[in-house]
Amino acid sequence: MIVAGPGTTREQHDFPDEDALQNYQISIADRLASAGWLLWGVNRQRRSGTERRVRTRGIDRRGRSNEVPAAERSDR
């Protein structure tokens, strides 16, 4: 695990296995909570698990209703 920041500060932590990494994350979360930090959504997975490029998209959000049809455009 590489921790970047603040600024150019970098730390690298190596763990022998997944359990060791998880225990480290839990200990950091406990220390932050004890210091008064509010940890919100720590374990939430942001990805849906489906490939987004495969799904069909809904309504076009780009505002095509503002386009003027080519037949109605005047050449300047």
Protein backbone atom coordinates (compact mmCIF):
# COMPACT_ATOMS: atom_id res chain seq x y z
CA MET A 1 0.00 0.00 0.00
CA ILE A 2 1.34 3.43 -0.94
CA VAL A 3 0.09 6.48 0.92
CA ALA A 4 0.55 9.78 -0.94
CA GLY A 5 0.46 13.17 0.75
CA PRO A 6 0.32 15.63 2.14
CA GLY A 7 2.39 17.34 -0.52
CA THR A 8 5.23 15.17 -1.81
CA THR A 9 5.28 12.91 1.26
CA ARG A 10 5.04 9.21 0.36
CA GLU A 11 4.92 6.08 2.52
CA GLN A 12 4.96 2.46 1.39
CA HIS A 13 3.57 -0.32 3.58
CA ASP A 14 4.07 -3.97 2.67
CA PHE A 15 1.84 -6.70 4.09
CA PRO A 16 2.34 -10.46 4.00
CA ASP A 17 -1.32 -11.16 3.27
CA GLU A 18 -4.82 -9.70 2.97
CA ASP A 19 -5.57 -10.21 6.68
CA ALA A 20 -2.54 -8.16 7.72
CA LEU A 21 -3.63 -5.33 5.41
CA GLN A 22 -7.17 -5.42 6.77
CA ASN A 23 -5.93 -5.35 10.37
CA TYR A 24 -3.77 -2.31 9.54
CA GLN A 25 -6.77 -0.52 7.99
CA ILE A 26 -8.88 -1.28 11.05
CA SER A 27 -6.21 0.05 13.41
CA ILE A 28 -5.94 3.29 11.40
CA ALA A 29 -9.73 3.69 11.40
CA ASP A 30 -9.79 3.13 15.17
CA ARG A 31 -7.04 5.73 15.73
CA LEU A 32 -8.82 8.31 13.56
CA ALA A 33 -12.17 7.70 15.27
CA SER A 34 -10.50 8.02 18.70
CA ALA A 35 -9.00 11.35 17.61
CA GLY A 36 -12.47 12.66 16.73
CA TRP A 37 -12.54 12.05 12.99
CA LEU A 38 -15.82 10.93 11.44
CA LEU A 39 -15.25 8.03 9.04
CA TRP A 40 -18.03 7.95 6.49
CA GLY A 41 -18.41 5.18 3.93
CA VAL A 42 -15.13 3.49 4.77
CA ASN A 43 -16.20 0.04 3.57
CA ARG A 44 -18.47 1.12 0.71
CA GLN A 45 -17.63 -0.28 -2.72
CA ARG A 46 -18.20 2.47 -5.28
CA ARG A 47 -18.20 0.29 -8.36
CA SER A 48 -21.37 -1.54 -9.33
CA GLY A 49 -19.53 -4.63 -10.52
CA THR A 50 -20.96 -4.40 -14.03
CA GLU A 51 -19.02 -3.18 -16.98
CA ARG A 52 -20.35 0.32 -17.62
CA ARG A 53 -19.49 0.32 -21.33
CA VAL A 54 -21.75 -2.67 -21.94
CA ARG A 55 -24.88 -1.22 -20.37
CA THR A 56 -27.24 0.89 -22.47
CA ARG A 57 -27.44 4.49 -21.50
CA GLY A 58 -30.56 6.37 -20.53
CA ILE A 59 -31.70 9.74 -21.82
CA ASP A 60 -29.00 11.81 -23.50
CA ARG A 61 -27.94 14.40 -20.91
CA ARG A 62 -26.11 16.68 -23.33
CA GLY A 63 -29.10 18.85 -24.18
CA ARG A 64 -29.60 17.98 -27.82
CA SER A 65 -32.99 19.70 -27.66
CA ASN A 66 -31.11 22.99 -28.25
CA GLU A 67 -29.81 21.87 -31.65
CA VAL A 68 -31.22 23.55 -34.73
CA PRO A 69 -32.05 21.13 -37.55
CA ALA A 70 -29.75 21.49 -40.58
CA ALA A 71 -32.69 22.51 -42.80
CA GLU A 72 -33.38 25.51 -40.56
CA ARG A 73 -29.78 26.75 -40.35
CA SER A 74 -28.79 29.72 -42.49
CA ASP A 75 -25.33 29.95 -44.03
CA ARG A 76 -23.55 33.18 -43.21
